[in-house]
N, C-alpha and C. Protein backbone atom coordinates (compact mmCIF):
# COMPACT_ATOMS: atom_id res chain seq x y z
N MET A 1 0.82 -1.19 0.00
CA MET A 1 0.00 0.00 0.00
C MET A 1 0.87 1.26 0.00
N LYS A 2 1.95 1.25 0.81
CA LYS A 2 2.84 2.40 0.89
C LYS A 2 3.54 2.62 -0.46
N ALA A 3 3.98 1.53 -1.10
CA ALA A 3 4.64 1.65 -2.40
C ALA A 3 3.68 2.22 -3.43
N ARG A 4 2.42 1.80 -3.38
CA ARG A 4 1.41 2.29 -4.32
C ARG A 4 1.19 3.79 -4.11
N SER A 5 1.13 4.23 -2.85
CA SER A 5 0.97 5.65 -2.56
C SER A 5 2.15 6.45 -3.07
N ASN A 6 3.36 5.89 -2.92
CA ASN A 6 4.56 6.59 -3.41
C ASN A 6 4.55 6.71 -4.92
N ILE A 7 4.08 5.68 -5.61
CA ILE A 7 4.01 5.72 -7.07
C ILE A 7 2.99 6.77 -7.50
N ILE A 8 1.84 6.81 -6.85
CA ILE A 8 0.81 7.78 -7.19
C ILE A 8 1.33 9.19 -6.94
N LEU A 9 2.00 9.39 -5.81
CA LEU A 9 2.56 10.70 -5.49
C LEU A 9 3.61 11.12 -6.50
N SER A 10 4.42 10.18 -6.96
CA SER A 10 5.43 10.49 -7.98
C SER A 10 4.78 10.89 -9.29
N ILE A 11 3.70 10.20 -9.67
CA ILE A 11 2.99 10.53 -10.91
C ILE A 11 2.38 11.92 -10.82
N VAL A 12 1.74 12.22 -9.69
CA VAL A 12 1.15 13.54 -9.51
C VAL A 12 2.23 14.61 -9.56
N THR A 13 3.36 14.35 -8.94
CA THR A 13 4.46 15.31 -8.95
C THR A 13 4.95 15.55 -10.38
N LEU A 14 5.10 14.48 -11.15
CA LEU A 14 5.53 14.63 -12.55
C LEU A 14 4.51 15.43 -13.35
N LEU A 15 3.23 15.20 -13.11
CA LEU A 15 2.19 15.96 -13.81
C LEU A 15 2.27 17.44 -13.46
N VAL A 16 2.46 17.74 -12.18
CA VAL A 16 2.57 19.13 -11.76
C VAL A 16 3.80 19.77 -12.37
N LEU A 17 4.93 19.05 -12.35
CA LEU A 17 6.14 19.58 -12.97
C LEU A 17 5.95 19.82 -14.46
N GLY A 18 5.21 18.94 -15.11
CA GLY A 18 4.94 19.09 -16.53
C GLY A 18 4.11 20.32 -16.83
N LEU A 19 3.22 20.68 -15.89
CA LEU A 19 2.38 21.86 -16.08
C LEU A 19 3.12 23.15 -15.76
N THR A 20 4.12 23.07 -14.90
CA THR A 20 4.80 24.29 -14.46
C THR A 20 6.15 24.51 -15.09
N SER A 21 6.68 23.54 -15.83
CA SER A 21 7.97 23.74 -16.47
C SER A 21 7.99 23.05 -17.82
N PRO A 22 8.89 23.47 -18.71
CA PRO A 22 8.91 22.92 -20.05
C PRO A 22 9.65 21.59 -20.16
N LEU A 23 9.84 20.87 -19.06
CA LEU A 23 10.53 19.59 -19.10
C LEU A 23 9.66 18.53 -19.76
N SER A 24 10.27 17.62 -20.49
CA SER A 24 9.52 16.48 -21.00
C SER A 24 9.32 15.49 -19.86
N THR A 25 8.42 14.54 -20.03
CA THR A 25 8.17 13.56 -18.98
C THR A 25 9.42 12.75 -18.70
N ALA A 26 10.16 12.37 -19.72
CA ALA A 26 11.39 11.60 -19.51
C ALA A 26 12.41 12.43 -18.76
N SER A 27 12.53 13.71 -19.13
CA SER A 27 13.47 14.58 -18.45
C SER A 27 13.06 14.80 -17.00
N ALA A 28 11.77 15.00 -16.76
CA ALA A 28 11.29 15.22 -15.40
C ALA A 28 11.51 13.98 -14.55
N ALA A 29 11.30 12.82 -15.13
CA ALA A 29 11.48 11.59 -14.35
C ALA A 29 12.93 11.40 -13.94
N SER A 30 13.87 11.81 -14.79
CA SER A 30 15.27 11.62 -14.45
C SER A 30 15.80 12.70 -13.53
N SER A 31 15.06 13.83 -13.39
CA SER A 31 15.58 14.91 -12.57
C SER A 31 14.87 15.05 -11.23
N LEU A 32 13.86 14.26 -10.97
CA LEU A 32 13.11 14.37 -9.73
C LEU A 32 13.67 13.41 -8.70
N ALA A 33 13.93 13.90 -7.53
CA ALA A 33 14.40 13.04 -6.45
C ALA A 33 13.43 13.18 -5.29
N VAL A 34 12.87 12.08 -4.87
CA VAL A 34 12.00 12.08 -3.71
C VAL A 34 12.85 11.64 -2.54
N VAL A 35 13.00 12.51 -1.56
CA VAL A 35 13.85 12.19 -0.43
C VAL A 35 13.04 12.26 0.85
N GLY A 36 13.32 11.36 1.74
CA GLY A 36 12.63 11.32 3.01
C GLY A 36 13.06 10.08 3.76
N THR A 37 12.24 9.67 4.70
CA THR A 37 12.62 8.52 5.51
C THR A 37 12.23 7.21 4.86
N THR A 38 11.29 7.23 3.91
CA THR A 38 10.81 5.97 3.37
C THR A 38 11.06 5.79 1.88
N THR A 39 11.21 6.86 1.12
CA THR A 39 11.30 6.75 -0.33
C THR A 39 12.49 7.55 -0.83
N THR A 40 13.28 6.93 -1.71
CA THR A 40 14.35 7.67 -2.36
C THR A 40 14.49 7.15 -3.78
N SER A 41 14.35 8.04 -4.76
CA SER A 41 14.70 7.70 -6.12
C SER A 41 15.76 8.69 -6.53
N THR A 42 16.74 8.25 -7.27
CA THR A 42 17.88 9.12 -7.53
C THR A 42 17.97 9.47 -8.99
N SER A 43 18.67 10.52 -9.26
CA SER A 43 18.95 10.97 -10.60
C SER A 43 20.36 10.53 -10.97
N THR A 44 20.56 10.30 -12.28
CA THR A 44 21.88 9.89 -12.71
C THR A 44 22.71 11.06 -13.21
N SER A 45 22.09 12.22 -13.41
CA SER A 45 22.87 13.36 -13.85
C SER A 45 22.51 14.57 -13.01
N PHE A 46 23.52 15.36 -12.70
CA PHE A 46 23.32 16.55 -11.89
C PHE A 46 23.94 17.72 -12.62
N THR A 47 23.37 18.88 -12.42
CA THR A 47 23.87 20.08 -13.06
C THR A 47 24.51 20.99 -12.03
N THR A 48 25.72 21.41 -12.29
CA THR A 48 26.38 22.39 -11.45
C THR A 48 26.56 23.65 -12.27
N SER A 49 26.13 24.77 -11.73
CA SER A 49 26.16 26.02 -12.47
C SER A 49 26.71 27.13 -11.58
N THR A 50 27.29 28.13 -12.20
CA THR A 50 27.75 29.28 -11.43
C THR A 50 26.94 30.51 -11.78
N SER A 51 25.83 30.36 -12.49
CA SER A 51 25.01 31.50 -12.84
C SER A 51 24.12 31.89 -11.67
N THR A 52 23.60 33.12 -11.73
CA THR A 52 22.72 33.57 -10.67
C THR A 52 21.28 33.25 -11.01
N SER A 53 20.45 33.08 -9.99
CA SER A 53 19.06 32.73 -10.18
C SER A 53 18.23 34.00 -10.33
N THR A 54 17.25 34.00 -11.26
CA THR A 54 16.37 35.13 -11.41
C THR A 54 15.06 34.92 -10.67
N ALA A 55 14.78 33.72 -10.20
CA ALA A 55 13.56 33.45 -9.44
C ALA A 55 13.74 33.96 -8.02
N PRO A 56 12.63 34.28 -7.35
CA PRO A 56 12.76 34.72 -5.96
C PRO A 56 13.32 33.60 -5.10
N VAL A 57 14.32 33.90 -4.32
CA VAL A 57 14.97 32.91 -3.49
C VAL A 57 14.73 33.28 -2.03
N LEU A 58 14.30 32.30 -1.25
CA LEU A 58 14.00 32.53 0.16
C LEU A 58 15.26 32.41 1.01
N SER A 59 15.23 32.97 2.19
CA SER A 59 16.35 32.90 3.12
C SER A 59 16.44 31.52 3.74
N THR A 60 17.63 31.13 4.19
CA THR A 60 17.82 29.81 4.79
C THR A 60 17.58 29.78 6.30
N SER A 61 17.53 30.92 6.96
CA SER A 61 17.48 30.94 8.43
C SER A 61 16.32 30.13 8.99
N SER A 62 15.18 30.12 8.34
CA SER A 62 14.03 29.40 8.87
C SER A 62 14.05 27.91 8.53
N TYR A 63 15.06 27.43 7.82
CA TYR A 63 15.10 26.03 7.42
C TYR A 63 15.98 25.17 8.31
N SER A 64 16.64 25.76 9.28
CA SER A 64 17.41 24.99 10.24
C SER A 64 16.45 24.29 11.19
N PRO A 65 16.86 23.16 11.78
CA PRO A 65 16.00 22.48 12.75
C PRO A 65 15.61 23.44 13.88
N GLN A 66 14.37 23.33 14.31
CA GLN A 66 13.83 24.18 15.35
C GLN A 66 13.61 23.38 16.64
N PRO A 67 13.60 24.02 17.80
CA PRO A 67 13.41 23.30 19.06
C PRO A 67 12.12 22.46 19.09
N GLY A 68 11.05 22.92 18.50
CA GLY A 68 9.78 22.19 18.52
C GLY A 68 9.73 21.00 17.58
N ASP A 69 10.75 20.81 16.74
CA ASP A 69 10.75 19.72 15.76
C ASP A 69 10.68 18.34 16.41
N ILE A 70 11.12 18.23 17.64
CA ILE A 70 11.12 16.94 18.32
C ILE A 70 9.70 16.38 18.47
N ASN A 71 8.70 17.28 18.45
CA ASN A 71 7.30 16.88 18.58
C ASN A 71 6.65 16.60 17.24
N LEU A 72 7.38 16.76 16.14
CA LEU A 72 6.84 16.59 14.80
C LEU A 72 7.37 15.32 14.16
N LYS A 73 6.70 14.88 13.11
CA LYS A 73 7.10 13.69 12.38
C LYS A 73 7.92 14.11 11.15
N VAL A 74 8.94 13.32 10.82
CA VAL A 74 9.78 13.60 9.65
C VAL A 74 9.06 13.11 8.40
N GLY A 75 9.08 13.95 7.36
CA GLY A 75 8.41 13.61 6.10
C GLY A 75 9.31 13.82 4.90
N PRO A 76 8.78 13.58 3.71
CA PRO A 76 9.58 13.67 2.48
C PRO A 76 9.68 15.09 1.93
N VAL A 77 10.60 15.25 0.99
CA VAL A 77 10.76 16.46 0.19
C VAL A 77 10.97 15.99 -1.24
N PHE A 78 10.37 16.67 -2.20
CA PHE A 78 10.52 16.32 -3.61
C PHE A 78 11.45 17.35 -4.24
N LEU A 79 12.70 16.95 -4.50
CA LEU A 79 13.71 17.87 -5.03
C LEU A 79 13.74 17.80 -6.56
N ASP A 80 13.78 18.95 -7.19
CA ASP A 80 13.95 19.06 -8.64
C ASP A 80 15.44 19.31 -8.88
N LEU A 81 16.21 18.23 -8.96
CA LEU A 81 17.66 18.35 -9.06
C LEU A 81 18.12 18.93 -10.39
N ALA A 82 17.31 18.81 -11.43
CA ALA A 82 17.70 19.36 -12.72
C ALA A 82 17.71 20.89 -12.69
N HIS A 83 16.95 21.49 -11.79
CA HIS A 83 16.89 22.95 -11.69
C HIS A 83 17.52 23.47 -10.40
N SER A 84 18.13 22.61 -9.63
CA SER A 84 18.90 23.01 -8.45
C SER A 84 20.36 23.13 -8.88
N TYR A 85 21.12 23.99 -8.21
CA TYR A 85 22.51 24.18 -8.64
C TYR A 85 23.35 24.78 -7.52
N LEU A 86 24.65 24.73 -7.73
CA LEU A 86 25.61 25.38 -6.84
C LEU A 86 25.94 26.74 -7.41
N GLN A 87 25.92 27.76 -6.55
CA GLN A 87 26.23 29.11 -6.98
C GLN A 87 27.50 29.56 -6.28
N VAL A 88 28.58 29.71 -7.05
CA VAL A 88 29.86 30.13 -6.50
C VAL A 88 29.99 31.63 -6.71
N GLY A 89 30.14 32.36 -5.60
CA GLY A 89 30.25 33.81 -5.66
C GLY A 89 31.66 34.27 -5.94
N LYS A 90 31.83 35.58 -5.99
CA LYS A 90 33.15 36.15 -6.23
C LYS A 90 33.71 36.67 -4.93
N GLY A 91 35.02 36.67 -4.84
CA GLY A 91 35.69 37.16 -3.65
C GLY A 91 36.66 36.13 -3.13
N PHE A 92 37.33 36.50 -2.05
CA PHE A 92 38.26 35.57 -1.43
C PHE A 92 38.07 35.65 0.07
N PRO A 93 37.69 34.61 0.72
CA PRO A 93 37.32 33.31 0.15
C PRO A 93 36.00 33.38 -0.61
N GLU A 94 35.77 32.38 -1.47
CA GLU A 94 34.58 32.37 -2.31
C GLU A 94 33.37 31.85 -1.53
N PRO A 95 32.26 32.64 -1.53
CA PRO A 95 31.04 32.13 -0.91
C PRO A 95 30.34 31.15 -1.86
N VAL A 96 29.81 30.07 -1.31
CA VAL A 96 29.11 29.08 -2.13
C VAL A 96 27.72 28.85 -1.53
N ASP A 97 26.71 28.93 -2.37
CA ASP A 97 25.33 28.66 -1.97
C ASP A 97 24.80 27.49 -2.77
N LEU A 98 23.94 26.72 -2.14
CA LEU A 98 23.21 25.65 -2.81
C LEU A 98 21.81 26.18 -3.05
N ILE A 99 21.41 26.29 -4.31
CA ILE A 99 20.07 26.73 -4.65
C ILE A 99 19.24 25.48 -4.90
N LEU A 100 18.28 25.23 -4.02
CA LEU A 100 17.43 24.04 -4.11
C LEU A 100 16.05 24.42 -4.59
N LYS A 101 15.56 23.68 -5.57
CA LYS A 101 14.20 23.85 -6.06
C LYS A 101 13.47 22.53 -5.85
N GLY A 102 12.25 22.61 -5.41
CA GLY A 102 11.47 21.40 -5.20
C GLY A 102 10.09 21.71 -4.68
N SER A 103 9.48 20.70 -4.06
CA SER A 103 8.14 20.84 -3.51
C SER A 103 8.02 20.04 -2.22
N LEU A 104 7.17 20.54 -1.35
CA LEU A 104 6.78 19.81 -0.15
C LEU A 104 5.44 19.15 -0.44
N PRO A 105 5.12 18.04 0.24
CA PRO A 105 3.87 17.31 -0.04
C PRO A 105 2.61 18.15 0.14
N ASP A 106 2.63 19.10 1.07
CA ASP A 106 1.48 19.98 1.30
C ASP A 106 1.94 21.18 2.11
N PRO A 107 1.07 22.19 2.28
CA PRO A 107 1.48 23.38 3.03
C PRO A 107 1.76 23.14 4.51
N CYS A 108 1.33 22.00 5.06
CA CYS A 108 1.58 21.71 6.48
C CYS A 108 3.00 21.21 6.73
N HIS A 109 3.70 20.73 5.70
CA HIS A 109 5.08 20.29 5.85
C HIS A 109 6.00 21.51 5.88
N GLN A 110 7.01 21.48 6.74
CA GLN A 110 7.98 22.55 6.85
C GLN A 110 9.35 22.02 6.43
N LEU A 111 10.03 22.76 5.57
CA LEU A 111 11.34 22.36 5.06
C LEU A 111 12.40 22.49 6.14
N ARG A 112 13.29 21.50 6.21
CA ARG A 112 14.44 21.53 7.11
C ARG A 112 15.68 21.18 6.31
N VAL A 113 16.77 21.92 6.54
CA VAL A 113 18.04 21.69 5.85
C VAL A 113 19.16 21.78 6.88
N VAL A 114 20.01 20.75 6.91
CA VAL A 114 21.16 20.72 7.81
C VAL A 114 22.41 20.57 6.95
N VAL A 115 23.34 21.51 7.09
CA VAL A 115 24.61 21.47 6.35
C VAL A 115 25.71 21.12 7.33
N SER A 116 26.51 20.10 6.98
CA SER A 116 27.62 19.73 7.84
C SER A 116 28.84 19.40 7.00
N SER A 117 29.99 19.76 7.53
CA SER A 117 31.26 19.40 6.91
C SER A 117 32.30 19.38 8.02
N THR A 118 33.41 18.75 7.73
CA THR A 118 34.49 18.73 8.71
C THR A 118 35.67 19.50 8.15
N SER A 119 36.51 19.99 9.01
CA SER A 119 37.66 20.78 8.56
C SER A 119 38.68 19.90 7.84
N THR A 120 38.64 18.58 8.06
CA THR A 120 39.61 17.69 7.43
C THR A 120 39.07 17.07 6.14
N SER A 121 37.83 17.34 5.80
CA SER A 121 37.23 16.72 4.62
C SER A 121 36.80 17.79 3.62
N SER A 122 36.85 17.46 2.34
CA SER A 122 36.37 18.38 1.32
C SER A 122 34.93 18.05 0.94
N ASN A 123 34.28 17.18 1.72
CA ASN A 123 32.89 16.82 1.47
C ASN A 123 31.95 17.70 2.30
N ILE A 124 30.89 18.16 1.66
CA ILE A 124 29.86 18.94 2.34
C ILE A 124 28.58 18.11 2.28
N ASN A 125 28.06 17.76 3.44
CA ASN A 125 26.86 16.94 3.52
C ASN A 125 25.66 17.82 3.83
N VAL A 126 24.62 17.68 3.00
CA VAL A 126 23.39 18.45 3.18
C VAL A 126 22.25 17.45 3.38
N LYS A 127 21.57 17.58 4.50
CA LYS A 127 20.41 16.73 4.78
C LYS A 127 19.17 17.58 4.57
N VAL A 128 18.28 17.13 3.67
CA VAL A 128 17.06 17.86 3.35
C VAL A 128 15.87 16.96 3.70
N TYR A 129 14.95 17.49 4.48
CA TYR A 129 13.76 16.73 4.87
C TYR A 129 12.67 17.71 5.27
N SER A 130 11.50 17.18 5.59
CA SER A 130 10.41 18.03 6.07
C SER A 130 9.94 17.50 7.42
N VAL A 131 9.26 18.35 8.14
CA VAL A 131 8.62 17.95 9.40
C VAL A 131 7.16 18.41 9.33
N PHE A 132 6.30 17.64 10.00
CA PHE A 132 4.89 17.99 10.01
C PHE A 132 4.22 17.39 11.24
N ASN A 133 3.07 17.96 11.58
CA ASN A 133 2.26 17.44 12.67
C ASN A 133 1.25 16.47 12.06
N PRO A 134 1.33 15.17 12.38
CA PRO A 134 0.43 14.20 11.76
C PRO A 134 -1.03 14.41 12.17
N GLN A 135 -1.27 15.18 13.21
CA GLN A 135 -2.64 15.46 13.66
C GLN A 135 -3.28 16.60 12.87
N SER A 136 -2.49 17.35 12.12
CA SER A 136 -3.01 18.49 11.36
C SER A 136 -3.80 18.02 10.15
N VAL A 137 -4.85 18.74 9.86
CA VAL A 137 -5.62 18.49 8.64
C VAL A 137 -5.12 19.49 7.62
N CYS A 138 -4.73 18.99 6.46
CA CYS A 138 -4.10 19.86 5.47
C CYS A 138 -4.57 19.49 4.07
N ILE A 139 -4.73 20.48 3.21
CA ILE A 139 -5.12 20.24 1.83
C ILE A 139 -3.97 19.53 1.10
N SER A 140 -4.30 18.59 0.25
CA SER A 140 -3.29 17.83 -0.49
C SER A 140 -2.95 18.56 -1.78
N VAL A 141 -1.98 19.44 -1.68
CA VAL A 141 -1.49 20.17 -2.84
C VAL A 141 0.01 20.41 -2.63
N LEU A 142 0.78 20.18 -3.68
CA LEU A 142 2.23 20.38 -3.57
C LEU A 142 2.53 21.85 -3.29
N GLN A 143 3.50 22.06 -2.41
CA GLN A 143 3.93 23.40 -2.02
C GLN A 143 5.32 23.64 -2.59
N PRO A 144 5.45 24.34 -3.74
CA PRO A 144 6.77 24.53 -4.36
C PRO A 144 7.64 25.49 -3.55
N PHE A 145 8.96 25.32 -3.69
CA PHE A 145 9.90 26.21 -3.02
C PHE A 145 11.16 26.34 -3.85
N ILE A 146 11.83 27.48 -3.64
CA ILE A 146 13.19 27.71 -4.12
C ILE A 146 13.91 28.35 -2.94
N VAL A 147 14.99 27.72 -2.47
CA VAL A 147 15.71 28.24 -1.31
C VAL A 147 17.20 28.31 -1.60
N ALA A 148 17.85 29.29 -0.98
CA ALA A 148 19.30 29.43 -1.06
C ALA A 148 19.87 28.97 0.27
N ILE A 149 20.71 27.97 0.23
CA ILE A 149 21.34 27.42 1.42
C ILE A 149 22.82 27.78 1.38
N PRO A 150 23.30 28.67 2.26
CA PRO A 150 24.73 28.99 2.26
C PRO A 150 25.55 27.79 2.75
N LEU A 151 26.53 27.40 1.95
CA LEU A 151 27.39 26.27 2.33
C LEU A 151 28.65 26.75 3.04
N GLY A 152 29.01 28.01 2.87
CA GLY A 152 30.19 28.54 3.54
C GLY A 152 31.10 29.28 2.58
N PHE A 153 32.31 29.55 3.06
CA PHE A 153 33.33 30.25 2.27
C PHE A 153 34.50 29.31 2.07
N PHE A 154 35.04 29.27 0.84
CA PHE A 154 36.07 28.30 0.50
C PHE A 154 37.24 28.99 -0.19
N THR A 155 38.47 28.53 0.15
CA THR A 155 39.66 29.16 -0.39
C THR A 155 40.41 28.32 -1.40
N GLY A 156 40.20 27.04 -1.46
CA GLY A 156 40.93 26.25 -2.44
C GLY A 156 40.55 24.79 -2.38
N GLY A 157 40.89 24.11 -3.43
CA GLY A 157 40.66 22.68 -3.49
C GLY A 157 39.32 22.32 -4.10
N LEU A 158 39.17 21.04 -4.37
CA LEU A 158 37.95 20.49 -4.93
C LEU A 158 37.04 20.06 -3.79
N HIS A 159 35.78 20.48 -3.84
CA HIS A 159 34.81 20.16 -2.80
C HIS A 159 33.62 19.44 -3.43
N ALA A 160 33.11 18.43 -2.74
CA ALA A 160 31.96 17.66 -3.22
C ALA A 160 30.77 17.92 -2.30
N VAL A 161 29.61 18.11 -2.91
CA VAL A 161 28.38 18.35 -2.16
C VAL A 161 27.49 17.12 -2.29
N TYR A 162 27.09 16.59 -1.16
CA TYR A 162 26.20 15.43 -1.10
C TYR A 162 24.87 15.87 -0.51
N ILE A 163 23.78 15.50 -1.17
CA ILE A 163 22.45 15.77 -0.65
C ILE A 163 21.84 14.45 -0.26
N ASN A 164 21.53 14.31 1.03
CA ASN A 164 20.98 13.07 1.59
C ASN A 164 21.80 11.86 1.18
N GLY A 165 23.12 12.01 1.19
CA GLY A 165 24.03 10.91 0.93
C GLY A 165 24.36 10.68 -0.53
N LEU A 166 23.73 11.41 -1.45
CA LEU A 166 23.97 11.24 -2.88
C LEU A 166 24.80 12.41 -3.40
N LEU A 167 25.81 12.12 -4.23
CA LEU A 167 26.64 13.18 -4.81
C LEU A 167 25.78 14.08 -5.68
N PHE A 168 25.76 15.38 -5.36
CA PHE A 168 25.00 16.35 -6.14
C PHE A 168 25.90 17.08 -7.13
N GLY A 169 27.05 17.52 -6.68
CA GLY A 169 27.94 18.26 -7.56
C GLY A 169 29.27 18.55 -6.87
N LYS A 170 30.19 19.11 -7.66
CA LYS A 170 31.51 19.46 -7.16
C LYS A 170 31.83 20.87 -7.59
N PHE A 171 32.71 21.53 -6.83
CA PHE A 171 33.16 22.86 -7.21
C PHE A 171 34.58 23.04 -6.68
N VAL A 172 35.29 23.97 -7.32
CA VAL A 172 36.63 24.33 -6.88
C VAL A 172 36.52 25.63 -6.11
N GLY A 173 36.93 25.59 -4.85
CA GLY A 173 36.81 26.78 -3.99
C GLY A 173 38.07 27.60 -3.98
């Protein structure tokens, strides 16, 4: 039953993406990643870009885990990896942002993003998920988002960005 619900949700997501973007169904299927605690489908190609986004981008401050999250249930996030990218700024050290585009299952889900890296590693791990109150009654409509997640400032070397354990892209800092 859960697998059937996930398939239906994926189909609905593809239909919505088809209505809101010029992607073909094959392209949308290869660029959509459903991430969460129960379902993960991955993309085989990722795009890394240094261009700036013209769409409105939200701040990252409200996407960090909150104290009340312990009372909420963890849910999925539908990432549009074909339209998400790394944005490398100018300056020294170079600021790097992860621009994520995707959708939440409904308006009751809240996006959470955790960025972690170690000083001895060139890997940057980004955990993306949602939280929600299972007791809430919510309309079933995808809630699209575009967010800028600051990854930090980098001075040199090759760095790899992983989203929920999957390689998303690399950049030279």
